[in-house]
PDB file of all heavy atoms in Angstrom:
ATOM      1  N   GLY A   1     -21.102  -7.151  12.206  1.00  0.00           N
ATOM      2  CA  GLY A   1     -20.122  -8.043  11.593  1.00  0.00           C
ATOM      3  C   GLY A   1     -18.874  -7.280  11.202  1.00  0.00           C
ATOM      4  O   GLY A   1     -18.423  -6.410  11.935  1.00  0.00           O
ATOM      5  N   ASP A   2     -18.369  -7.565  10.016  1.00  0.00           N
ATOM      6  CA  ASP A   2     -17.109  -6.975   9.571  1.00  0.00           C
ATOM      7  C   ASP A   2     -17.267  -6.356   8.183  1.00  0.00           C
ATOM      8  O   ASP A   2     -16.735  -6.863   7.201  1.00  0.00           O
ATOM      9  CB  ASP A   2     -16.010  -8.038   9.571  1.00  0.00           C
ATOM     10  CG  ASP A   2     -14.633  -7.450   9.249  1.00  0.00           C
ATOM     11  OD1 ASP A   2     -14.467  -6.215   9.334  1.00  0.00           O
ATOM     12  OD2 ASP A   2     -13.732  -8.237   8.907  1.00  0.00           O
ATOM     13  N   MET A   3     -17.991  -5.260   8.110  1.00  0.00           N
ATOM     14  CA  MET A   3     -18.176  -4.576   6.834  1.00  0.00           C
ATOM     15  C   MET A   3     -16.877  -3.939   6.352  1.00  0.00           C
ATOM     16  O   MET A   3     -16.610  -3.903   5.151  1.00  0.00           O
ATOM     17  CB  MET A   3     -19.283  -3.535   6.944  1.00  0.00           C
ATOM     18  CG  MET A   3     -20.674  -4.132   7.027  1.00  0.00           C
ATOM     19  SD  MET A   3     -21.130  -5.084   5.553  1.00  0.00           S
ATOM     20  CE  MET A   3     -21.360  -3.773   4.357  1.00  0.00           C
ATOM     21  N   THR A   4     -16.061  -3.445   7.273  1.00  0.00           N
ATOM     22  CA  THR A   4     -14.783  -2.856   6.872  1.00  0.00           C
ATOM     23  C   THR A   4     -13.902  -3.915   6.216  1.00  0.00           C
ATOM     24  O   THR A   4     -13.290  -3.666   5.175  1.00  0.00           O
ATOM     25  CB  THR A   4     -14.067  -2.231   8.077  1.00  0.00           C
ATOM     26  OG1 THR A   4     -14.924  -1.230   8.648  1.00  0.00           O
ATOM     27  CG2 THR A   4     -12.750  -1.605   7.684  1.00  0.00           C
ATOM     28  N   GLY A   5     -13.861  -5.103   6.808  1.00  0.00           N
ATOM     29  CA  GLY A   5     -13.102  -6.199   6.209  1.00  0.00           C
ATOM     30  C   GLY A   5     -13.624  -6.565   4.832  1.00  0.00           C
ATOM     31  O   GLY A   5     -12.848  -6.838   3.907  1.00  0.00           O
ATOM     32  N   PHE A   6     -14.946  -6.579   4.702  1.00  0.00           N
ATOM     33  CA  PHE A   6     -15.557  -6.846   3.389  1.00  0.00           C
ATOM     34  C   PHE A   6     -15.119  -5.791   2.383  1.00  0.00           C
ATOM     35  O   PHE A   6     -14.669  -6.110   1.278  1.00  0.00           O
ATOM     36  CB  PHE A   6     -17.082  -6.886   3.510  1.00  0.00           C
ATOM     37  CG  PHE A   6     -17.801  -6.575   2.231  1.00  0.00           C
ATOM     38  CD1 PHE A   6     -17.698  -7.412   1.132  1.00  0.00           C
ATOM     39  CD2 PHE A   6     -18.570  -5.425   2.118  1.00  0.00           C
ATOM     40  CE1 PHE A   6     -18.352  -7.113  -0.062  1.00  0.00           C
ATOM     41  CE2 PHE A   6     -19.221  -5.120   0.937  1.00  0.00           C
ATOM     42  CZ  PHE A   6     -19.113  -5.963  -0.150  1.00  0.00           C
ATOM     43  N   TRP A   7     -15.231  -4.515   2.752  1.00  0.00           N
ATOM     44  CA  TRP A   7     -14.861  -3.415   1.865  1.00  0.00           C
ATOM     45  C   TRP A   7     -13.398  -3.544   1.442  1.00  0.00           C
ATOM     46  O   TRP A   7     -13.053  -3.406   0.274  1.00  0.00           O
ATOM     47  CB  TRP A   7     -15.144  -2.087   2.551  1.00  0.00           C
ATOM     48  CG  TRP A   7     -14.632  -0.880   1.826  1.00  0.00           C
ATOM     49  CD1 TRP A   7     -13.632  -0.038   2.237  1.00  0.00           C
ATOM     50  CD2 TRP A   7     -15.081  -0.360   0.564  1.00  0.00           C
ATOM     51  NE1 TRP A   7     -13.435   0.958   1.315  1.00  0.00           N
ATOM     52  CE2 TRP A   7     -14.314   0.780   0.272  1.00  0.00           C
ATOM     53  CE3 TRP A   7     -16.044  -0.765  -0.348  1.00  0.00           C
ATOM     54  CZ2 TRP A   7     -14.491   1.532  -0.882  1.00  0.00           C
ATOM     55  CZ3 TRP A   7     -16.226  -0.008  -1.504  1.00  0.00           C
ATOM     56  CH2 TRP A   7     -15.456   1.119  -1.759  1.00  0.00           C
ATOM     57  N   GLU A   8     -12.539  -3.836   2.384  1.00  0.00           N
ATOM     58  CA  GLU A   8     -11.106  -3.944   2.099  1.00  0.00           C
ATOM     59  C   GLU A   8     -10.765  -5.204   1.309  1.00  0.00           C
ATOM     60  O   GLU A   8      -9.692  -5.283   0.717  1.00  0.00           O
ATOM     61  CB  GLU A   8     -10.311  -3.888   3.402  1.00  0.00           C
ATOM     62  CG  GLU A   8     -10.397  -2.521   4.064  1.00  0.00           C
ATOM     63  CD  GLU A   8      -9.795  -2.473   5.457  1.00  0.00           C
ATOM     64  OE1 GLU A   8      -9.434  -3.541   6.007  1.00  0.00           O
ATOM     65  OE2 GLU A   8      -9.706  -1.360   6.003  1.00  0.00           O
ATOM     66  N   SER A   9     -11.672  -6.179   1.260  1.00  0.00           N
ATOM     67  CA  SER A   9     -11.404  -7.430   0.540  1.00  0.00           C
ATOM     68  C   SER A   9     -11.747  -7.358  -0.945  1.00  0.00           C
ATOM     69  O   SER A   9     -11.437  -8.293  -1.689  1.00  0.00           O
ATOM     70  CB  SER A   9     -12.197  -8.580   1.172  1.00  0.00           C
ATOM     71  OG  SER A   9     -13.581  -8.497   0.831  1.00  0.00           O
ATOM     72  N   ILE A  10     -12.366  -6.286  -1.392  1.00  0.00           N
ATOM     73  CA  ILE A  10     -12.741  -6.178  -2.805  1.00  0.00           C
ATOM     74  C   ILE A  10     -11.471  -6.138  -3.661  1.00  0.00           C
ATOM     75  O   ILE A  10     -10.530  -5.396  -3.371  1.00  0.00           O
ATOM     76  CB  ILE A  10     -13.636  -4.952  -3.046  1.00  0.00           C
ATOM     77  CG1 ILE A  10     -14.971  -5.139  -2.306  1.00  0.00           C
ATOM     78  CG2 ILE A  10     -13.876  -4.724  -4.535  1.00  0.00           C
ATOM     79  CD1 ILE A  10     -15.866  -3.933  -2.332  1.00  0.00           C
ATOM     80  N   ASP A  11     -11.439  -6.946  -4.690  1.00  0.00           N
ATOM     81  CA  ASP A  11     -10.276  -7.101  -5.558  1.00  0.00           C
ATOM     82  C   ASP A  11     -10.050  -5.814  -6.364  1.00  0.00           C
ATOM     83  O   ASP A  11     -10.728  -5.573  -7.359  1.00  0.00           O
ATOM     84  CB  ASP A  11     -10.505  -8.294  -6.490  1.00  0.00           C
ATOM     85  CG  ASP A  11      -9.338  -8.577  -7.410  1.00  0.00           C
ATOM     86  OD1 ASP A  11      -8.364  -7.791  -7.441  1.00  0.00           O
ATOM     87  OD2 ASP A  11      -9.401  -9.601  -8.121  1.00  0.00           O
ATOM     88  N   THR A  12      -9.074  -5.013  -5.934  1.00  0.00           N
ATOM     89  CA  THR A  12      -8.818  -3.729  -6.598  1.00  0.00           C
ATOM     90  C   THR A  12      -8.051  -3.891  -7.911  1.00  0.00           C
ATOM     91  O   THR A  12      -7.909  -2.925  -8.654  1.00  0.00           O
ATOM     92  CB  THR A  12      -8.074  -2.760  -5.659  1.00  0.00           C
ATOM     93  OG1 THR A  12      -6.868  -3.380  -5.200  1.00  0.00           O
ATOM     94  CG2 THR A  12      -8.958  -2.378  -4.476  1.00  0.00           C
ATOM     95  N   ASN A  13      -7.559  -5.078  -8.208  1.00  0.00           N
ATOM     96  CA  ASN A  13      -7.001  -5.322  -9.538  1.00  0.00           C
ATOM     97  C   ASN A  13      -8.122  -5.493 -10.554  1.00  0.00           C
ATOM     98  O   ASN A  13      -7.953  -5.155 -11.724  1.00  0.00           O
ATOM     99  CB  ASN A  13      -6.108  -6.567  -9.540  1.00  0.00           C
ATOM    100  CG  ASN A  13      -4.832  -6.351  -8.763  1.00  0.00           C
ATOM    101  OD1 ASN A  13      -4.209  -5.299  -8.864  1.00  0.00           O
ATOM    102  ND2 ASN A  13      -4.454  -7.333  -7.966  1.00  0.00           N
ATOM    103  N   ARG A  14      -9.241  -5.983 -10.094  1.00  0.00           N
ATOM    104  CA  ARG A  14     -10.382  -6.231 -10.976  1.00  0.00           C
ATOM    105  C   ARG A  14     -11.370  -5.052 -10.998  1.00  0.00           C
ATOM    106  O   ARG A  14     -11.987  -4.772 -12.021  1.00  0.00           O
ATOM    107  CB  ARG A  14     -11.105  -7.495 -10.511  1.00  0.00           C
ATOM    108  CG  ARG A  14     -12.253  -7.891 -11.387  1.00  0.00           C
ATOM    109  CD  ARG A  14     -12.796  -9.239 -11.000  1.00  0.00           C
ATOM    110  NE  ARG A  14     -13.872  -9.621 -11.903  1.00  0.00           N
ATOM    111  CZ  ARG A  14     -14.451 -10.790 -11.891  1.00  0.00           C
ATOM    112  NH1 ARG A  14     -14.072 -11.723 -11.043  1.00  0.00           N
ATOM    113  NH2 ARG A  14     -15.423 -11.062 -12.746  1.00  0.00           N
ATOM    114  N   HIS A  15     -11.530  -4.399  -9.860  1.00  0.00           N
ATOM    115  CA  HIS A  15     -12.522  -3.329  -9.712  1.00  0.00           C
ATOM    116  C   HIS A  15     -11.858  -2.065  -9.176  1.00  0.00           C
ATOM    117  O   HIS A  15     -10.917  -2.149  -8.399  1.00  0.00           O
ATOM    118  CB  HIS A  15     -13.610  -3.733  -8.713  1.00  0.00           C
ATOM    119  CG  HIS A  15     -14.160  -5.106  -8.914  1.00  0.00           C
ATOM    120  ND1 HIS A  15     -14.933  -5.456  -9.996  1.00  0.00           N
ATOM    121  CD2 HIS A  15     -14.047  -6.237  -8.169  1.00  0.00           C
ATOM    122  CE1 HIS A  15     -15.282  -6.735  -9.906  1.00  0.00           C
ATOM    123  NE2 HIS A  15     -14.740  -7.230  -8.800  1.00  0.00           N
ATOM    124  N   GLU A  16     -12.388  -0.910  -9.568  1.00  0.00           N
ATOM    125  CA  GLU A  16     -11.975   0.352  -8.946  1.00  0.00           C
ATOM    126  C   GLU A  16     -12.900   0.614  -7.774  1.00  0.00           C
ATOM    127  O   GLU A  16     -14.124   0.453  -7.904  1.00  0.00           O
ATOM    128  CB  GLU A  16     -12.110   1.513  -9.928  1.00  0.00           C
ATOM    129  CG  GLU A  16     -11.075   1.555 -11.011  1.00  0.00           C
ATOM    130  CD  GLU A  16     -11.288   2.759 -11.911  1.00  0.00           C
ATOM    131  OE1 GLU A  16     -12.334   2.808 -12.600  1.00  0.00           O
ATOM    132  OE2 GLU A  16     -10.417   3.640 -11.907  1.00  0.00           O
ATOM    133  N   VAL A  17     -12.334   1.012  -6.644  1.00  0.00           N
ATOM    134  CA  VAL A  17     -13.152   1.296  -5.469  1.00  0.00           C
ATOM    135  C   VAL A  17     -12.927   2.731  -5.018  1.00  0.00           C
ATOM    136  O   VAL A  17     -11.809   3.250  -5.075  1.00  0.00           O
ATOM    137  CB  VAL A  17     -12.871   0.309  -4.314  1.00  0.00           C
ATOM    138  CG1 VAL A  17     -13.231  -1.108  -4.712  1.00  0.00           C
ATOM    139  CG2 VAL A  17     -11.433   0.374  -3.861  1.00  0.00           C
ATOM    140  N   PHE A  18     -14.022   3.363  -4.576  1.00  0.00           N
ATOM    141  CA  PHE A  18     -13.985   4.740  -4.120  1.00  0.00           C
ATOM    142  C   PHE A  18     -14.805   4.849  -2.841  1.00  0.00           C
ATOM    143  O   PHE A  18     -15.979   4.472  -2.827  1.00  0.00           O
ATOM    144  CB  PHE A  18     -14.590   5.687  -5.174  1.00  0.00           C
ATOM    145  CG  PHE A  18     -13.958   5.563  -6.533  1.00  0.00           C
ATOM    146  CD1 PHE A  18     -14.480   4.691  -7.478  1.00  0.00           C
ATOM    147  CD2 PHE A  18     -12.840   6.310  -6.867  1.00  0.00           C
ATOM    148  CE1 PHE A  18     -13.904   4.567  -8.739  1.00  0.00           C
ATOM    149  CE2 PHE A  18     -12.254   6.193  -8.120  1.00  0.00           C
ATOM    150  CZ  PHE A  18     -12.787   5.324  -9.064  1.00  0.00           C
ATOM    151  N   ASP A  19     -14.185   5.356  -1.788  1.00  0.00           N
ATOM    152  CA  ASP A  19     -14.922   5.637  -0.562  1.00  0.00           C
ATOM    153  C   ASP A  19     -15.584   6.998  -0.752  1.00  0.00           C
ATOM    154  O   ASP A  19     -14.907   8.023  -0.842  1.00  0.00           O
ATOM    155  CB  ASP A  19     -13.975   5.651   0.639  1.00  0.00           C
ATOM    156  CG  ASP A  19     -14.719   5.775   1.960  1.00  0.00           C
ATOM    157  OD1 ASP A  19     -15.750   6.487   2.017  1.00  0.00           O
ATOM    158  OD2 ASP A  19     -14.262   5.173   2.946  1.00  0.00           O
ATOM    159  N   ILE A  20     -16.906   7.001  -0.856  1.00  0.00           N
ATOM    160  CA  ILE A  20     -17.654   8.237  -1.098  1.00  0.00           C
ATOM    161  C   ILE A  20     -18.496   8.609   0.119  1.00  0.00           C
ATOM    162  O   ILE A  20     -19.532   9.273  -0.010  1.00  0.00           O
ATOM    163  CB  ILE A  20     -18.527   8.125  -2.369  1.00  0.00           C
ATOM    164  CG1 ILE A  20     -19.542   6.979  -2.242  1.00  0.00           C
ATOM    165  CG2 ILE A  20     -17.659   7.968  -3.606  1.00  0.00           C
ATOM    166  CD1 ILE A  20     -20.627   7.002  -3.302  1.00  0.00           C
ATOM    167  N   SER A  21     -18.036   8.205   1.293  1.00  0.00           N
ATOM    168  CA  SER A  21     -18.790   8.444   2.521  1.00  0.00           C
ATOM    169  C   SER A  21     -19.108   9.915   2.719  1.00  0.00           C
ATOM    170  O   SER A  21     -20.184  10.271   3.212  1.00  0.00           O
ATOM    171  CB  SER A  21     -18.012   7.920   3.727  1.00  0.00           C
ATOM    172  OG  SER A  21     -17.767   6.542   3.593  1.00  0.00           O
ATOM    173  N   ASP A  22     -18.196  10.806   2.332  1.00  0.00           N
ATOM    174  CA  ASP A  22     -18.397  12.235   2.562  1.00  0.00           C
ATOM    175  C   ASP A  22     -19.546  12.823   1.755  1.00  0.00           C
ATOM    176  O   ASP A  22     -20.099  13.856   2.124  1.00  0.00           O
ATOM    177  CB  ASP A  22     -17.110  13.005   2.290  1.00  0.00           C
ATOM    178  CG  ASP A  22     -16.604  12.855   0.864  1.00  0.00           C
ATOM    179  OD1 ASP A  22     -16.793  11.779   0.261  1.00  0.00           O
ATOM    180  OD2 ASP A  22     -16.017  13.822   0.346  1.00  0.00           O
ATOM    181  N   ILE A  23     -19.956  12.148   0.673  1.00  0.00           N
ATOM    182  CA  ILE A  23     -21.087  12.651  -0.117  1.00  0.00           C
ATOM    183  C   ILE A  23     -22.305  11.737  -0.029  1.00  0.00           C
ATOM    184  O   ILE A  23     -23.311  11.978  -0.690  1.00  0.00           O
ATOM    185  CB  ILE A  23     -20.717  12.872  -1.599  1.00  0.00           C
ATOM    186  CG1 ILE A  23     -20.307  11.561  -2.268  1.00  0.00           C
ATOM    187  CG2 ILE A  23     -19.650  13.943  -1.725  1.00  0.00           C
ATOM    188  CD1 ILE A  23     -20.209  11.645  -3.784  1.00  0.00           C
ATOM    189  N   ALA A  24     -22.207  10.695   0.778  1.00  0.00           N
ATOM    190  CA  ALA A  24     -23.328   9.758   0.885  1.00  0.00           C
ATOM    191  C   ALA A  24     -23.669   9.533   2.355  1.00  0.00           C
ATOM    192  O   ALA A  24     -24.156  10.445   3.006  1.00  0.00           O
ATOM    193  CB  ALA A  24     -23.020   8.463   0.143  1.00  0.00           C
ATOM    194  N   HIS A  25     -23.396   8.362   2.898  1.00  0.00           N
ATOM    195  CA  HIS A  25     -23.912   7.994   4.222  1.00  0.00           C
ATOM    196  C   HIS A  25     -23.019   8.398   5.377  1.00  0.00           C
ATOM    197  O   HIS A  25     -23.222   7.967   6.503  1.00  0.00           O
ATOM    198  CB  HIS A  25     -24.180   6.486   4.260  1.00  0.00           C
ATOM    199  CG  HIS A  25     -25.293   6.133   5.198  1.00  0.00           C
ATOM    200  ND1 HIS A  25     -25.782   4.866   5.302  1.00  0.00           N
ATOM    201  CD2 HIS A  25     -26.013   6.853   6.088  1.00  0.00           C
ATOM    202  CE1 HIS A  25     -26.748   4.820   6.188  1.00  0.00           C
ATOM    203  NE2 HIS A  25     -26.902   6.014   6.684  1.00  0.00           N
ATOM    204  N   GLY A  26     -22.005   9.203   5.149  1.00  0.00           N
ATOM    205  CA  GLY A  26     -21.165   9.719   6.219  1.00  0.00           C
ATOM    206  C   GLY A  26     -20.081   8.754   6.647  1.00  0.00           C
ATOM    207  O   GLY A  26     -20.118   7.563   6.343  1.00  0.00           O
ATOM    208  N   GLU A  27     -19.108   9.298   7.355  1.00  0.00           N
ATOM    209  CA  GLU A  27     -17.937   8.513   7.760  1.00  0.00           C
ATOM    210  C   GLU A  27     -18.276   7.398   8.739  1.00  0.00           C
ATOM    211  O   GLU A  27     -17.657   6.341   8.715  1.00  0.00           O
ATOM    212  CB  GLU A  27     -16.875   9.431   8.354  1.00  0.00           C
ATOM    213  CG  GLU A  27     -16.249  10.374   7.350  1.00  0.00           C
ATOM    214  CD  GLU A  27     -15.552   9.675   6.198  1.00  0.00           C
ATOM    215  OE1 GLU A  27     -14.968   8.592   6.398  1.00  0.00           O
ATOM    216  OE2 GLU A  27     -15.601  10.204   5.077  1.00  0.00           O
ATOM    217  N   THR A  28     -19.239   7.600   9.619  1.00  0.00           N
ATOM    218  CA  THR A  28     -19.558   6.585  10.618  1.00  0.00           C
ATOM    219  C   THR A  28     -20.149   5.339   9.975  1.00  0.00           C
ATOM    220  O   THR A  28     -19.718   4.223  10.250  1.00  0.00           O
ATOM    221  CB  THR A  28     -20.539   7.142  11.670  1.00  0.00           C
ATOM    222  OG1 THR A  28     -19.956   8.296  12.252  1.00  0.00           O
ATOM    223  CG2 THR A  28     -20.825   6.115  12.741  1.00  0.00           C
ATOM    224  N   GLN A  29     -21.141   5.515   9.106  1.00  0.00           N
ATOM    225  CA  GLN A  29     -21.764   4.387   8.413  1.00  0.00           C
ATOM    226  C   GLN A  29     -20.952   3.987   7.178  1.00  0.00           C
ATOM    227  O   GLN A  29     -20.699   2.826   6.952  1.00  0.00           O
ATOM    228  CB  GLN A  29     -23.201   4.710   8.015  1.00  0.00           C
ATOM    229  CG  GLN A  29     -24.110   5.018   9.183  1.00  0.00           C
ATOM    230  CD  GLN A  29     -24.211   3.859  10.146  1.00  0.00           C
ATOM    231  OE1 GLN A  29     -24.377   2.714   9.740  1.00  0.00           O
ATOM    232  NE2 GLN A  29     -24.104   4.141  11.427  1.00  0.00           N
ATOM    233  N   GLY A  30     -20.622   4.957   6.378  1.00  0.00           N
ATOM    234  CA  GLY A  30     -19.784   4.732   5.211  1.00  0.00           C
ATOM    235  C   GLY A  30     -20.541   4.341   3.961  1.00  0.00           C
ATOM    236  O   GLY A  30     -21.609   3.737   4.015  1.00  0.00           O
ATOM    237  N   SER A  31     -19.965   4.721   2.824  1.00  0.00           N
ATOM    238  CA  SER A  31     -20.515   4.398   1.510  1.00  0.00           C
ATOM    239  C   SER A  31     -19.376   4.157   0.541  1.00  0.00           C
ATOM    240  O   SER A  31     -18.398   4.908   0.529  1.00  0.00           O
ATOM    241  CB  SER A  31     -21.372   5.552   0.982  1.00  0.00           C
ATOM    242  OG  SER A  31     -22.474   5.789   1.820  1.00  0.00           O
TER     243      SER A  31
END
């Protein structure tokens, strides 16, 4: 599906978001 679209749709005015792929599931899968 569209997990990247989901990730990018998170309201950053309401929530802080951090891409932690490098310390978790890696860049290909992402975290």
